[in-house]
Amino acid sequence: MASQFLHTESPRGYRPSGKDFVKPDGTRDEMMWFGNMELVNYLITTNDGTRILVWAGMTSPDQKHCFADLHPDLALMHVSPKQDFAEFAALTAAMGTKVIIPHHYDCTEKLFEAILEAMNNMSEANRKAFVHDGKFSFPEYMRALETACRAQNPGAALVMPEHHRWYRFGFCCAAE
């Protein structure tokens, strides 16, 4: 029976074994996943050379080495209070990202209001910095993320588009 694809933060280290692989508990499975790398990311290059990165997953310290010098003009990056924003900023700086648009965070505040235990998945540092009187301060978190991005990649812009609104982006090149 084939496994479904999971949205998890699994430990790394599973090794393929022919067409399937052996999980740590000894069971065999047809699916292979390696922590953060299980997610599908896209780098799209348009006819005019504009590079657009669609990043689906959380960041990890090793990714800044794997994806150094990717140089996307525009990066749509997954943001979660579970991740370290300094790590996020280091990745976007290593990639040479020009414009960063965070995504996958729009339900965070409502989730934390409805399910307080969900905040337990955050790092202790994030809980101390952004949870006040049992409420998560998402605007404060996003300001800290922007500050970290600007500190590590001063030439990049973190853009927070308004939800449910269409935007048009353009890039140009001018001779000096």
Protein backbone atom coordinates (compact mmCIF):
# COMPACT_ATOMS: atom_id res chain seq x y z
CA MET A 1 0.00 0.00 0.00
CA ALA A 2 1.47 3.35 -1.02
CA SER A 3 1.67 6.05 1.63
CA GLN A 4 0.13 9.42 1.23
CA PHE A 5 2.43 12.41 1.22
CA LEU A 6 2.63 13.96 4.64
CA HIS A 7 3.09 17.56 5.73
CA THR A 8 5.45 16.93 8.62
CA GLU A 9 8.70 17.98 10.15
CA SER A 10 10.18 14.54 10.16
CA PRO A 11 13.68 13.68 11.36
CA ARG A 12 16.31 13.35 8.67
CA GLY A 13 18.16 10.18 7.93
CA TYR A 14 15.82 7.79 6.13
CA ARG A 15 17.65 5.91 3.43
CA PRO A 16 16.14 4.41 0.28
CA SER A 17 16.05 0.61 0.07
CA GLY A 18 15.27 -0.30 -3.51
CA LYS A 19 11.78 0.89 -4.37
CA ASP A 20 10.90 1.38 -0.74
CA PHE A 21 12.78 2.22 2.44
CA VAL A 22 12.91 1.15 6.06
CA LYS A 23 11.63 3.60 8.63
CA PRO A 24 13.23 3.86 12.10
CA ASP A 25 10.46 1.66 13.56
CA GLY A 26 11.43 -1.12 11.11
CA THR A 27 8.40 -0.83 8.83
CA ARG A 28 8.84 -0.43 5.09
CA ASP A 29 7.26 2.31 3.06
CA GLU A 30 7.25 3.46 -0.57
CA MET A 31 7.52 7.12 0.35
CA MET A 32 10.86 8.74 1.05
CA TRP A 33 11.15 12.01 2.97
CA PHE A 34 13.98 13.98 4.51
CA GLY A 35 12.69 16.56 6.99
CA ASN A 36 12.26 19.97 5.41
CA MET A 37 13.28 18.72 1.98
CA GLU A 38 10.04 16.79 1.51
CA LEU A 39 8.29 19.95 0.35
CA VAL A 40 8.12 21.08 -3.23
CA ASN A 41 9.86 24.36 -4.00
CA TYR A 42 9.96 26.02 -7.39
CA LEU A 43 12.37 28.40 -9.06
CA ILE A 44 10.65 29.92 -12.07
CA THR A 45 12.59 31.95 -14.62
CA THR A 46 10.44 34.09 -16.92
CA ASN A 47 11.26 35.05 -20.53
CA ASP A 48 12.79 38.33 -19.37
CA GLY A 49 15.08 36.53 -16.90
CA THR A 50 13.09 37.36 -13.75
CA ARG A 51 13.62 34.59 -11.20
CA ILE A 52 10.71 33.76 -8.88
CA LEU A 53 11.19 31.34 -6.00
CA VAL A 54 8.17 29.66 -4.42
CA TRP A 55 9.40 28.22 -1.12
CA ALA A 56 6.94 25.82 0.48
CA GLY A 57 8.62 24.80 3.71
CA MET A 58 10.26 25.81 6.90
CA THR A 59 13.89 26.87 6.91
CA SER A 60 16.79 24.99 8.46
CA PRO A 61 20.41 26.06 9.05
CA ASP A 62 21.84 23.77 6.36
CA GLN A 63 19.67 25.18 3.58
CA LYS A 64 21.65 28.42 3.36
CA HIS A 65 24.58 26.31 2.11
CA CYS A 66 22.48 24.24 -0.31
CA PHE A 67 20.74 27.20 -1.89
CA ALA A 68 23.45 29.88 -1.71
CA ASP A 69 23.57 32.22 -4.67
CA LEU A 70 20.18 31.19 -6.06
CA HIS A 71 19.47 34.91 -6.65
CA PRO A 72 15.69 35.04 -6.97
CA ASP A 73 14.31 38.46 -7.81
CA LEU A 74 11.14 37.59 -5.93
CA ALA A 75 10.81 34.92 -3.23
CA LEU A 76 7.48 33.76 -1.86
CA MET A 77 8.65 32.30 1.45
CA HIS A 78 6.81 30.15 4.01
CA VAL A 79 6.69 31.84 7.43
CA SER A 80 5.79 30.13 10.68
CA PRO A 81 6.19 31.13 14.33
CA LYS A 82 7.77 27.70 14.82
CA GLN A 83 10.80 28.72 12.77
CA ASP A 84 13.67 30.93 13.77
CA PHE A 85 13.49 34.25 11.95
CA ALA A 86 17.28 34.75 12.10
CA GLU A 87 17.58 31.42 10.26
CA PHE A 88 14.94 32.60 7.75
CA ALA A 89 16.85 35.86 7.24
CA ALA A 90 20.17 34.00 6.81
CA LEU A 91 18.62 31.80 4.11
CA THR A 92 17.16 34.74 2.17
CA ALA A 93 20.49 36.59 2.44
CA ALA A 94 22.52 33.55 1.29
CA MET A 95 20.20 33.13 -1.68
CA GLY A 96 20.61 36.79 -2.61
CA THR A 97 16.87 37.43 -2.50
CA LYS A 98 15.77 40.89 -3.66
CA VAL A 99 12.06 40.90 -2.70
CA ILE A 100 10.63 38.60 -0.01
CA ILE A 101 6.90 38.00 0.24
CA PRO A 102 5.97 35.85 3.25
CA HIS A 103 3.15 33.33 2.91
CA HIS A 104 1.46 30.50 4.84
CA TYR A 105 0.91 32.60 7.94
CA ASP A 106 -2.50 34.17 7.45
CA CYS A 107 -4.31 31.81 9.83
CA THR A 108 -1.72 31.86 12.62
CA GLU A 109 -3.43 34.33 14.93
CA LYS A 110 -6.85 32.68 14.59
CA LEU A 111 -5.30 29.23 15.09
CA PHE A 112 -3.58 30.35 18.29
CA GLU A 113 -6.81 31.93 19.56
CA ALA A 114 -8.77 28.74 18.91
CA ILE A 115 -6.13 26.21 19.98
CA LEU A 116 -3.82 27.63 22.64
CA GLU A 117 -1.76 24.41 22.72
CA ALA A 118 -0.62 25.13 19.15
CA MET A 119 1.71 27.77 20.57
CA ASN A 120 3.64 24.98 22.33
CA ASN A 121 5.34 24.14 19.01
CA MET A 122 7.09 27.51 19.00
CA SER A 123 10.62 27.87 20.23
CA GLU A 124 10.99 29.06 23.82
CA ALA A 125 12.60 32.28 22.53
CA ASN A 126 9.62 33.01 20.28
CA ARG A 127 7.14 32.27 23.07
CA LYS A 128 8.96 34.68 25.40
CA ALA A 129 9.25 37.39 22.76
CA PHE A 130 5.84 37.18 21.08
CA VAL A 131 3.30 35.64 23.47
CA HIS A 132 1.91 38.13 25.95
CA ASP A 133 -0.93 37.30 28.35
CA GLY A 134 -1.61 34.08 26.42
CA LYS A 135 -1.91 35.83 23.05
CA PHE A 136 0.50 35.65 20.15
CA SER A 137 1.49 39.05 18.73
CA PHE A 138 1.79 38.31 15.03
CA PRO A 139 2.47 41.95 14.01
CA GLU A 140 5.36 42.00 16.50
CA TYR A 141 6.67 38.71 15.09
CA MET A 142 6.54 40.04 11.52
CA ARG A 143 8.36 43.25 12.53
CA ALA A 144 11.12 41.13 14.11
CA LEU A 145 11.28 39.02 10.94
CA GLU A 146 11.62 42.15 8.81
CA THR A 147 14.33 43.54 11.12
CA ALA A 148 16.28 40.27 10.89
CA CYS A 149 15.95 40.24 7.08
CA ARG A 150 17.11 43.85 6.76
CA ALA A 151 20.06 43.24 9.10
CA GLN A 152 21.34 40.24 7.12
CA ASN A 153 20.33 41.38 3.63
CA PRO A 154 20.07 45.21 3.61
CA GLY A 155 19.26 45.33 -0.12
CA ALA A 156 16.20 43.08 0.19
CA ALA A 157 12.64 44.25 0.72
CA LEU A 158 10.14 42.31 2.82
CA VAL A 159 6.72 43.01 1.32
CA MET A 160 3.48 42.23 3.15
CA PRO A 161 0.72 42.40 0.53
CA GLU A 162 -2.85 42.79 1.67
CA HIS A 163 -4.71 39.49 1.62
CA HIS A 164 -7.32 38.82 -1.07
CA ARG A 165 -6.02 41.56 -3.30
CA TRP A 166 -4.31 41.15 -6.68
CA TYR A 167 -0.88 42.67 -7.23
CA ARG A 168 1.25 43.17 -10.30
CA PHE A 169 5.03 43.06 -9.94
CA GLY A 170 7.50 44.27 -12.49
CA PHE A 171 11.28 44.31 -12.63
CA CYS A 172 13.36 46.39 -14.94
CA CYS A 173 16.99 46.84 -15.82
CA ALA A 174 18.43 50.23 -16.68
CA ALA A 175 21.85 51.05 -18.12
CA GLU A 176 24.08 53.10 -15.86
